[in-house]
Amino acid sequence: MSVASDLIRVAEQAVNLATEIIHTHPMSQITGKGDRDMASDVDYAVERRVRAFLAERTPSVGFLGEEEGLSNEAKLGTVWTLDPIDGTANFVHGLPLCAISLALVKAKRPILGVIALPYLATRYSAVEGQGAHSGGRRLKVRDTANLADAIVSIGDYAVGNSAYERNRSRLRITERLASSVQRVRMFGSAAIDLGWVADGRLDASVTLSNKPWDTAAGVIIAREAGARVVDLNGNAHSTESKETIAVSPGLADELLKILQASTAESVNSHT
């Protein structure tokens, strides 16, 4: 049995703890992290509890959390990555579209992942080479062949330093997709986007960033469900990729052409 197979049960237990905290810990404080970015006291409570649990259960594995960074650097080249609440802005505003995202990463690739949507009673999980599942059901991406029939999610627009410049390509992509696909959606959580591609609820997700706590769990879940997961150039996704694009294989080439053309147009229009 692989290391990932052994540790998926530990990951599930950690996500159970996180889910319980979200349901029982009333939010009382919000901490600003920068321009229109924030963390709640619930984010910190979840991360600290999961960090402590995994340090006890897997002492040779490192841990990288969104809120408090890296601890226990991996001795065996493996590290847990956690976003305690992916979609904190949604959470703070009482919107149910947020997720717990936990993955185990080895050699720049996730080898297992668990995503829980605490307010939608939904959980996705995957182990490399063993498929992706939700509640005992095996996940499979949609067999969509035409972009005109596709629902595509896009990641949040940028905030913080250089947001205006970084949003040029995002806005151009939104414009091009709006004229090519059935619908464009923005849910505010990369974990949800990737999980819903795996579950066949979306045909593709486009995130022009790649923070491992946001994306690692969703990447392996989408990949194990049959999605093509790549960067903007169509290269296989890793933790070093600049973008995170998950798409039903039948749409990949056409979607990538649109994304690449949109990005080039954005650059050329401001040079």
C-alpha atoms as a PDB file:
ATOM      1  CA  MET A   1       0.000   0.000   0.000  1.00  0.00           C
ATOM      2  CA  SER A   2       1.327   3.472  -0.923  1.00  0.00           C
ATOM      3  CA  VAL A   3       2.082   6.258   1.531  1.00  0.00           C
ATOM      4  CA  ALA A   4      -0.849   8.206   0.081  1.00  0.00           C
ATOM      5  CA  SER A   5      -3.217   5.296   0.647  1.00  0.00           C
ATOM      6  CA  ASP A   6      -2.154   5.108   4.286  1.00  0.00           C
ATOM      7  CA  LEU A   7      -2.471   8.852   4.835  1.00  0.00           C
ATOM      8  CA  ILE A   8      -5.812   9.514   3.170  1.00  0.00           C
ATOM      9  CA  ARG A   9      -7.539   8.338   6.351  1.00  0.00           C
ATOM     10  CA  VAL A  10      -5.457  10.803   8.371  1.00  0.00           C
ATOM     11  CA  ALA A  11      -6.383  13.571   5.938  1.00  0.00           C
ATOM     12  CA  GLU A  12     -10.069  12.713   6.255  1.00  0.00           C
ATOM     13  CA  GLN A  13      -9.803  12.884  10.055  1.00  0.00           C
ATOM     14  CA  ALA A  14      -8.074  16.267   9.842  1.00  0.00           C
ATOM     15  CA  VAL A  15     -10.814  17.620   7.596  1.00  0.00           C
ATOM     16  CA  ASN A  16     -13.428  16.284  10.031  1.00  0.00           C
ATOM     17  CA  LEU A  17     -11.804  18.387  12.760  1.00  0.00           C
ATOM     18  CA  ALA A  18     -11.764  21.437  10.501  1.00  0.00           C
ATOM     19  CA  THR A  19     -15.419  20.994   9.579  1.00  0.00           C
ATOM     20  CA  GLU A  20     -16.431  20.719  13.218  1.00  0.00           C
ATOM     21  CA  ILE A  21     -14.629  23.961  14.079  1.00  0.00           C
ATOM     22  CA  ILE A  22     -16.303  25.845  11.236  1.00  0.00           C
ATOM     23  CA  HIS A  23     -19.713  24.664  12.387  1.00  0.00           C
ATOM     24  CA  THR A  24     -19.178  25.344  16.099  1.00  0.00           C
ATOM     25  CA  HIS A  25     -16.784  28.301  16.327  1.00  0.00           C
ATOM     26  CA  PRO A  26     -18.660  31.602  15.929  1.00  0.00           C
ATOM     27  CA  MET A  27     -16.683  34.161  13.950  1.00  0.00           C
ATOM     28  CA  SER A  28     -15.728  37.095  16.163  1.00  0.00           C
ATOM     29  CA  GLN A  29     -12.707  38.753  14.574  1.00  0.00           C
ATOM     30  CA  ILE A  30     -11.441  39.612  11.100  1.00  0.00           C
ATOM     31  CA  THR A  31      -7.780  40.417  10.456  1.00  0.00           C
ATOM     32  CA  GLY A  32      -6.743  42.429   7.410  1.00  0.00           C
ATOM     33  CA  LYS A  33      -3.990  40.832   5.306  1.00  0.00           C
ATOM     34  CA  GLY A  34      -3.694  43.548   2.679  1.00  0.00           C
ATOM     35  CA  ASP A  35      -5.806  45.304   0.084  1.00  0.00           C
ATOM     36  CA  ARG A  36      -9.277  43.697   0.317  1.00  0.00           C
ATOM     37  CA  ASP A  37      -7.769  40.501   1.726  1.00  0.00           C
ATOM     38  CA  MET A  38      -8.610  39.085   5.131  1.00  0.00           C
ATOM     39  CA  ALA A  39      -8.581  36.143   7.509  1.00  0.00           C
ATOM     40  CA  SER A  40     -11.090  35.380  10.225  1.00  0.00           C
ATOM     41  CA  ASP A  41     -10.395  33.958  13.645  1.00  0.00           C
ATOM     42  CA  VAL A  42     -12.050  30.770  12.360  1.00  0.00           C
ATOM     43  CA  ASP A  43      -9.364  30.476   9.642  1.00  0.00           C
ATOM     44  CA  TYR A  44      -6.690  30.609  12.329  1.00  0.00           C
ATOM     45  CA  ALA A  45      -8.523  28.196  14.638  1.00  0.00           C
ATOM     46  CA  VAL A  46      -8.887  25.615  11.879  1.00  0.00           C
ATOM     47  CA  GLU A  47      -5.290  25.907  10.713  1.00  0.00           C
ATOM     48  CA  ARG A  48      -3.830  25.631  14.213  1.00  0.00           C
ATOM     49  CA  ARG A  49      -5.945  22.603  15.092  1.00  0.00           C
ATOM     50  CA  VAL A  50      -5.170  20.772  11.859  1.00  0.00           C
ATOM     51  CA  ARG A  51      -1.475  21.678  12.065  1.00  0.00           C
ATOM     52  CA  ALA A  52      -1.254  20.245  15.607  1.00  0.00           C
ATOM     53  CA  PHE A  53      -3.186  17.101  14.668  1.00  0.00           C
ATOM     54  CA  LEU A  54      -1.031  16.347  11.626  1.00  0.00           C
ATOM     55  CA  ALA A  55       2.195  17.095  13.518  1.00  0.00           C
ATOM     56  CA  GLU A  56       1.181  14.439  16.020  1.00  0.00           C
ATOM     57  CA  ARG A  57      -0.014  11.873  13.472  1.00  0.00           C
ATOM     58  CA  THR A  58       2.624  12.458  10.749  1.00  0.00           C
ATOM     59  CA  PRO A  59       5.705  13.940  12.468  1.00  0.00           C
ATOM     60  CA  SER A  60       7.997  13.373   9.460  1.00  0.00           C
ATOM     61  CA  VAL A  61       5.787  15.395   7.106  1.00  0.00           C
ATOM     62  CA  GLY A  62       5.993  19.169   6.754  1.00  0.00           C
ATOM     63  CA  PHE A  63       3.013  21.491   6.915  1.00  0.00           C
ATOM     64  CA  LEU A  64       2.257  24.613   4.876  1.00  0.00           C
ATOM     65  CA  GLY A  65      -0.795  26.615   5.899  1.00  0.00           C
ATOM     66  CA  GLU A  66      -2.090  29.725   4.196  1.00  0.00           C
ATOM     67  CA  GLU A  67      -2.272  31.781   7.385  1.00  0.00           C
ATOM     68  CA  GLU A  68       0.873  30.846   9.326  1.00  0.00           C
ATOM     69  CA  GLY A  69       3.214  29.369   6.739  1.00  0.00           C
ATOM     70  CA  LEU A  70       5.585  26.415   6.881  1.00  0.00           C
ATOM     71  CA  SER A  71       6.429  24.302   9.901  1.00  0.00           C
ATOM     72  CA  ASN A  72       8.314  21.041  10.385  1.00  0.00           C
ATOM     73  CA  GLU A  73      10.092  21.105   7.037  1.00  0.00           C
ATOM     74  CA  ALA A  74       9.558  17.790   5.312  1.00  0.00           C
ATOM     75  CA  LYS A  75      12.260  15.238   6.000  1.00  0.00           C
ATOM     76  CA  LEU A  76      10.980  12.867   3.331  1.00  0.00           C
ATOM     77  CA  GLY A  77      10.161  15.440   0.679  1.00  0.00           C
ATOM     78  CA  THR A  78       6.473  15.567   1.533  1.00  0.00           C
ATOM     79  CA  VAL A  79       4.375  18.403   2.907  1.00  0.00           C
ATOM     80  CA  TRP A  80       0.755  18.923   3.840  1.00  0.00           C
ATOM     81  CA  THR A  81      -0.831  22.041   2.351  1.00  0.00           C
ATOM     82  CA  LEU A  82      -3.947  23.539   3.914  1.00  0.00           C
ATOM     83  CA  ASP A  83      -6.305  26.358   3.155  1.00  0.00           C
ATOM     84  CA  PRO A  84      -8.446  26.375   6.290  1.00  0.00           C
ATOM     85  CA  ILE A  85     -11.219  28.325   4.566  1.00  0.00           C
ATOM     86  CA  ASP A  86     -10.845  28.778   0.830  1.00  0.00           C
ATOM     87  CA  GLY A  87     -13.238  31.593   0.069  1.00  0.00           C
ATOM     88  CA  THR A  88     -12.870  33.590   3.267  1.00  0.00           C
ATOM     89  CA  ALA A  89     -14.612  36.625   1.739  1.00  0.00           C
ATOM     90  CA  ASN A  90     -17.630  34.429   1.027  1.00  0.00           C
ATOM     91  CA  PHE A  91     -17.476  32.979   4.544  1.00  0.00           C
ATOM     92  CA  VAL A  92     -17.292  36.399   6.194  1.00  0.00           C
ATOM     93  CA  HIS A  93     -20.343  37.549   4.208  1.00  0.00           C
ATOM     94  CA  GLY A  94     -22.365  34.469   5.067  1.00  0.00           C
ATOM     95  CA  LEU A  95     -22.170  32.942   1.598  1.00  0.00           C
ATOM     96  CA  PRO A  96     -22.030  29.127   1.681  1.00  0.00           C
ATOM     97  CA  LEU A  97     -19.452  28.818  -1.116  1.00  0.00           C
ATOM     98  CA  CYS A  98     -16.290  28.113   0.858  1.00  0.00           C
ATOM     99  CA  ALA A  99     -14.147  25.036   1.319  1.00  0.00           C
ATOM    100  CA  ILE A 100     -11.514  23.293   3.407  1.00  0.00           C
ATOM    101  CA  SER A 101      -8.657  22.240   1.120  1.00  0.00           C
ATOM    102  CA  LEU A 102      -6.017  19.757   2.352  1.00  0.00           C
ATOM    103  CA  ALA A 103      -3.429  17.997   0.193  1.00  0.00           C
ATOM    104  CA  LEU A 104      -0.242  16.007   0.526  1.00  0.00           C
ATOM    105  CA  VAL A 105       2.425  17.175  -1.933  1.00  0.00           C
ATOM    106  CA  LYS A 106       5.500  15.208  -2.969  1.00  0.00           C
ATOM    107  CA  ALA A 107       8.035  16.160  -5.642  1.00  0.00           C
ATOM    108  CA  LYS A 108       5.987  19.241  -6.610  1.00  0.00           C
ATOM    109  CA  ARG A 109       2.828  17.212  -7.254  1.00  0.00           C
ATOM    110  CA  PRO A 110      -0.112  16.454  -4.973  1.00  0.00           C
ATOM    111  CA  ILE A 111      -0.477  12.742  -4.248  1.00  0.00           C
ATOM    112  CA  LEU A 112      -3.692  12.965  -2.252  1.00  0.00           C
ATOM    113  CA  GLY A 113      -6.306  15.594  -1.595  1.00  0.00           C
ATOM    114  CA  VAL A 114      -9.480  16.195   0.377  1.00  0.00           C
ATOM    115  CA  ILE A 115     -11.895  19.086  -0.150  1.00  0.00           C
ATOM    116  CA  ALA A 116     -14.887  19.640   2.119  1.00  0.00           C
ATOM    117  CA  LEU A 117     -17.687  22.135   1.505  1.00  0.00           C
ATOM    118  CA  PRO A 118     -18.940  22.487   5.085  1.00  0.00           C
ATOM    119  CA  TYR A 119     -22.154  24.348   4.280  1.00  0.00           C
ATOM    120  CA  LEU A 120     -23.090  22.152   1.321  1.00  0.00           C
ATOM    121  CA  ALA A 121     -22.475  18.782   3.034  1.00  0.00           C
ATOM    122  CA  THR A 122     -20.169  17.762   0.203  1.00  0.00           C
ATOM    123  CA  ARG A 123     -16.718  16.185   0.243  1.00  0.00           C
ATOM    124  CA  TYR A 124     -14.308  15.233  -2.514  1.00  0.00           C
ATOM    125  CA  SER A 125     -11.169  13.128  -2.162  1.00  0.00           C
ATOM    126  CA  ALA A 126      -8.546  11.478  -4.319  1.00  0.00           C
ATOM    127  CA  VAL A 127      -5.401   9.392  -4.059  1.00  0.00           C
ATOM    128  CA  GLU A 128      -2.983   9.312  -6.976  1.00  0.00           C
ATOM    129  CA  GLY A 129      -3.754   6.375  -9.235  1.00  0.00           C
ATOM    130  CA  GLN A 130      -6.952   5.429  -7.371  1.00  0.00           C
ATOM    131  CA  GLY A 131      -9.505   7.839  -8.822  1.00  0.00           C
ATOM    132  CA  ALA A 132     -11.515  10.620  -7.220  1.00  0.00           C
ATOM    133  CA  HIS A 133     -14.584  10.048  -5.065  1.00  0.00           C
ATOM    134  CA  SER A 134     -17.423  11.742  -3.242  1.00  0.00           C
ATOM    135  CA  GLY A 135     -19.451   9.808  -0.707  1.00  0.00           C
ATOM    136  CA  GLY A 136     -18.528   6.475  -2.241  1.00  0.00           C
ATOM    137  CA  ARG A 137     -19.320   7.688  -5.754  1.00  0.00           C
ATOM    138  CA  ARG A 138     -16.507   7.738  -8.313  1.00  0.00           C
ATOM    139  CA  LEU A 139     -16.115  11.104 -10.012  1.00  0.00           C
ATOM    140  CA  LYS A 140     -15.791  11.650 -13.750  1.00  0.00           C
ATOM    141  CA  VAL A 141     -15.512  14.860 -15.721  1.00  0.00           C
ATOM    142  CA  ARG A 142     -18.154  15.743 -18.286  1.00  0.00           C
ATOM    143  CA  ASP A 143     -17.660  14.625 -21.889  1.00  0.00           C
ATOM    144  CA  THR A 144     -18.392  18.046 -23.341  1.00  0.00           C
ATOM    145  CA  ALA A 145     -17.075  18.503 -26.869  1.00  0.00           C
ATOM    146  CA  ASN A 146     -18.114  22.071 -27.733  1.00  0.00           C
ATOM    147  CA  LEU A 147     -17.280  25.243 -25.837  1.00  0.00           C
ATOM    148  CA  ALA A 148     -20.726  26.611 -26.685  1.00  0.00           C
ATOM    149  CA  ASP A 149     -22.132  23.895 -24.397  1.00  0.00           C
ATOM    150  CA  ALA A 150     -19.662  24.506 -21.566  1.00  0.00           C
ATOM    151  CA  ILE A 151     -19.949  26.230 -18.207  1.00  0.00           C
ATOM    152  CA  VAL A 152     -16.556  27.657 -17.265  1.00  0.00           C
ATOM    153  CA  SER A 153     -15.577  29.152 -13.921  1.00  0.00           C
ATOM    154  CA  ILE A 154     -12.913  31.802 -13.557  1.00  0.00           C
ATOM    155  CA  GLY A 155     -10.872  32.659 -10.495  1.00  0.00           C
ATOM    156  CA  ASP A 156     -11.244  35.834  -8.497  1.00  0.00           C
ATOM    157  CA  TYR A 157      -9.945  39.080  -9.923  1.00  0.00           C
ATOM    158  CA  ALA A 158      -6.663  40.228  -8.442  1.00  0.00           C
ATOM    159  CA  VAL A 159      -6.382  42.537  -5.427  1.00  0.00           C
ATOM    160  CA  GLY A 160      -3.356  44.132  -3.846  1.00  0.00           C
ATOM    161  CA  ASN A 161      -0.218  45.350  -5.578  1.00  0.00           C
ATOM    162  CA  SER A 162      -0.449  45.660  -9.367  1.00  0.00           C
ATOM    163  CA  ALA A 163      -4.075  44.485  -9.315  1.00  0.00           C
ATOM    164  CA  TYR A 164      -4.992  46.816 -12.176  1.00  0.00           C
ATOM    165  CA  GLU A 165      -2.277  45.416 -14.459  1.00  0.00           C
ATOM    166  CA  ARG A 166      -2.923  41.793 -13.473  1.00  0.00           C
ATOM    167  CA  ASN A 167      -6.648  42.142 -14.080  1.00  0.00           C
ATOM    168  CA  ARG A 168      -6.198  43.215 -17.698  1.00  0.00           C
ATOM    169  CA  SER A 169      -5.755  39.637 -18.860  1.00  0.00           C
ATOM    170  CA  ARG A 170      -8.485  38.401 -16.522  1.00  0.00           C
ATOM    171  CA  LEU A 171     -10.966  40.883 -17.931  1.00  0.00           C
ATOM    172  CA  ARG A 172      -9.978  40.062 -21.503  1.00  0.00           C
ATOM    173  CA  ILE A 173     -10.389  36.345 -20.787  1.00  0.00           C
ATOM    174  CA  THR A 174     -13.810  36.990 -19.259  1.00  0.00           C
ATOM    175  CA  GLU A 175     -14.825  38.936 -22.362  1.00  0.00           C
ATOM    176  CA  ARG A 176     -13.642  36.243 -24.767  1.00  0.00           C
ATOM    177  CA  LEU A 177     -15.196  33.409 -22.772  1.00  0.00           C
ATOM    178  CA  ALA A 178     -18.516  35.243 -22.487  1.00  0.00           C
ATOM    179  CA  SER A 179     -18.802  35.226 -26.274  1.00  0.00           C
ATOM    180  CA  SER A 180     -17.702  31.594 -26.662  1.00  0.00           C
ATOM    181  CA  VAL A 181     -19.080  29.423 -23.858  1.00  0.00           C
ATOM    182  CA  GLN A 182     -22.571  28.726 -22.574  1.00  0.00           C
ATOM    183  CA  ARG A 183     -21.993  30.533 -19.263  1.00  0.00           C
ATOM    184  CA  VAL A 184     -19.133  32.051 -17.237  1.00  0.00           C
ATOM    185  CA  ARG A 185     -19.216  31.702 -13.464  1.00  0.00           C
ATOM    186  CA  MET A 186     -17.146  33.055 -10.559  1.00  0.00           C
ATOM    187  CA  PHE A 187     -17.647  31.226  -7.255  1.00  0.00           C
ATOM    188  CA  GLY A 188     -14.779  32.693  -5.244  1.00  0.00           C
ATOM    189  CA  SER A 189     -13.039  29.435  -4.288  1.00  0.00           C
ATOM    190  CA  ALA A 190     -10.442  27.609  -6.378  1.00  0.00           C
ATOM    191  CA  ALA A 191     -11.100  24.436  -4.388  1.00  0.00           C
ATOM    192  CA  ILE A 192     -14.792  24.519  -5.292  1.00  0.00           C
ATOM    193  CA  ASP A 193     -14.005  25.267  -8.937  1.00  0.00           C
ATOM    194  CA  LEU A 194     -11.667  22.287  -9.224  1.00  0.00           C
ATOM    195  CA  GLY A 195     -13.922  19.961  -7.236  1.00  0.00           C
ATOM    196  CA  TRP A 196     -16.883  20.828  -9.422  1.00  0.00           C
ATOM    197  CA  VAL A 197     -14.900  20.167 -12.596  1.00  0.00           C
ATOM    198  CA  ALA A 198     -14.133  16.726 -11.173  1.00  0.00           C
ATOM    199  CA  ASP A 199     -17.809  16.230 -10.309  1.00  0.00           C
ATOM    200  CA  GLY A 200     -19.018  17.197 -13.780  1.00  0.00           C
ATOM    201  CA  ARG A 201     -20.799  20.313 -12.551  1.00  0.00           C
ATOM    202  CA  LEU A 202     -18.380  22.520 -14.486  1.00  0.00           C
ATOM    203  CA  ASP A 203     -16.652  21.846 -17.777  1.00  0.00           C
ATOM    204  CA  ALA A 204     -13.548  23.882 -16.973  1.00  0.00           C
ATOM    205  CA  SER A 205     -12.033  26.188 -14.374  1.00  0.00           C
ATOM    206  CA  VAL A 206      -9.517  28.916 -15.119  1.00  0.00           C
ATOM    207  CA  THR A 207      -7.400  30.332 -12.294  1.00  0.00           C
ATOM    208  CA  LEU A 208      -4.552  32.657 -13.250  1.00  0.00           C
ATOM    209  CA  SER A 209      -2.625  31.862 -10.088  1.00  0.00           C
ATOM    210  CA  ASN A 210      -1.353  28.805  -8.256  1.00  0.00           C
ATOM    211  CA  LYS A 211      -1.017  28.868  -4.494  1.00  0.00           C
ATOM    212  CA  PRO A 212      -0.613  25.276  -3.278  1.00  0.00           C
ATOM    213  CA  TRP A 213      -2.975  25.649  -0.322  1.00  0.00           C
ATOM    214  CA  ASP A 214      -5.677  26.822  -2.737  1.00  0.00           C
ATOM    215  CA  THR A 215      -5.125  24.415  -5.599  1.00  0.00           C
ATOM    216  CA  ALA A 216      -3.194  21.256  -4.673  1.00  0.00           C
ATOM    217  CA  ALA A 217      -6.143  19.220  -3.373  1.00  0.00           C
ATOM    218  CA  GLY A 218      -8.370  20.276  -6.255  1.00  0.00           C
ATOM    219  CA  VAL A 219      -5.674  19.545  -8.822  1.00  0.00           C
ATOM    220  CA  ILE A 220      -5.339  15.872  -7.879  1.00  0.00           C
ATOM    221  CA  ILE A 221      -9.098  15.448  -7.482  1.00  0.00           C
ATOM    222  CA  ALA A 222      -9.747  16.930 -10.936  1.00  0.00           C
ATOM    223  CA  ARG A 223      -6.868  14.992 -12.482  1.00  0.00           C
ATOM    224  CA  GLU A 224      -8.013  11.681 -10.994  1.00  0.00           C
ATOM    225  CA  ALA A 225     -11.536  12.370 -12.331  1.00  0.00           C
ATOM    226  CA  GLY A 226     -10.148  12.628 -15.854  1.00  0.00           C
ATOM    227  CA  ALA A 227      -9.615  16.368 -16.245  1.00  0.00           C
ATOM    228  CA  ARG A 228      -6.642  17.755 -18.066  1.00  0.00           C
ATOM    229  CA  VAL A 229      -4.882  20.009 -15.533  1.00  0.00           C
ATOM    230  CA  VAL A 230      -2.322  22.356 -17.065  1.00  0.00           C
ATOM    231  CA  ASP A 231      -0.818  25.832 -17.041  1.00  0.00           C
ATOM    232  CA  LEU A 232      -1.517  28.505 -19.639  1.00  0.00           C
ATOM    233  CA  ASN A 233       0.995  26.944 -22.051  1.00  0.00           C
ATOM    234  CA  GLY A 234      -0.648  23.537 -21.809  1.00  0.00           C
ATOM    235  CA  ASN A 235       2.147  22.030 -19.714  1.00  0.00           C
ATOM    236  CA  ALA A 236       1.257  19.531 -17.006  1.00  0.00           C
ATOM    237  CA  HIS A 237       0.454  21.302 -13.759  1.00  0.00           C
ATOM    238  CA  SER A 238       2.846  21.298 -10.802  1.00  0.00           C
ATOM    239  CA  THR A 239       3.260  23.412  -7.684  1.00  0.00           C
ATOM    240  CA  GLU A 240       5.576  25.651  -9.734  1.00  0.00           C
ATOM    241  CA  SER A 241       2.984  26.415 -12.416  1.00  0.00           C
ATOM    242  CA  LYS A 242       1.851  30.030 -12.691  1.00  0.00           C
ATOM    243  CA  GLU A 243      -1.739  29.165 -13.606  1.00  0.00           C
ATOM    244  CA  THR A 244      -4.197  26.402 -12.767  1.00  0.00           C
ATOM    245  CA  ILE A 245      -6.485  25.305 -15.584  1.00  0.00           C
ATOM    246  CA  ALA A 246      -8.638  22.186 -15.297  1.00  0.00           C
ATOM    247  CA  VAL A 247     -10.738  21.204 -18.263  1.00  0.00           C
ATOM    248  CA  SER A 248     -12.622  18.316 -19.792  1.00  0.00           C
ATOM    249  CA  PRO A 249     -10.137  16.818 -22.301  1.00  0.00           C
ATOM    250  CA  GLY A 250     -12.399  17.389 -25.286  1.00  0.00           C
ATOM    251  CA  LEU A 251     -12.363  21.144 -24.683  1.00  0.00           C
ATOM    252  CA  ALA A 252      -8.727  21.605 -23.713  1.00  0.00           C
ATOM    253  CA  ASP A 253      -7.191  22.663 -27.030  1.00  0.00           C
ATOM    254  CA  GLU A 254      -9.945  25.116 -27.903  1.00  0.00           C
ATOM    255  CA  LEU A 255     -10.030  26.627 -24.425  1.00  0.00           C
ATOM    256  CA  LEU A 256      -6.260  27.054 -24.295  1.00  0.00           C
ATOM    257  CA  LYS A 257      -6.281  28.864 -27.637  1.00  0.00           C
ATOM    258  CA  ILE A 258      -8.776  31.374 -26.258  1.00  0.00           C
ATOM    259  CA  LEU A 259      -6.832  31.875 -23.037  1.00  0.00           C
ATOM    260  CA  GLN A 260      -3.517  32.294 -24.826  1.00  0.00           C
ATOM    261  CA  ALA A 261      -4.983  34.702 -27.377  1.00  0.00           C
ATOM    262  CA  SER A 262      -6.676  36.742 -24.648  1.00  0.00           C
ATOM    263  CA  THR A 263      -3.455  37.038 -22.681  1.00  0.00           C
ATOM    264  CA  ALA A 264      -1.478  38.060 -25.763  1.00  0.00           C
ATOM    265  CA  GLU A 265      -4.086  40.682 -26.656  1.00  0.00           C
ATOM    266  CA  SER A 266      -3.919  42.111 -23.158  1.00  0.00           C
ATOM    267  CA  VAL A 267      -0.141  42.429 -23.323  1.00  0.00           C
ATOM    268  CA  ASN A 268      -0.119  43.862 -26.852  1.00  0.00           C
ATOM    269  CA  SER A 269      -2.801  46.441 -26.104  1.00  0.00           C
ATOM    270  CA  HIS A 270      -0.617  47.985 -23.364  1.00  0.00           C
ATOM    271  CA  THR A 271       2.779  47.993 -25.062  1.00  0.00           C
END
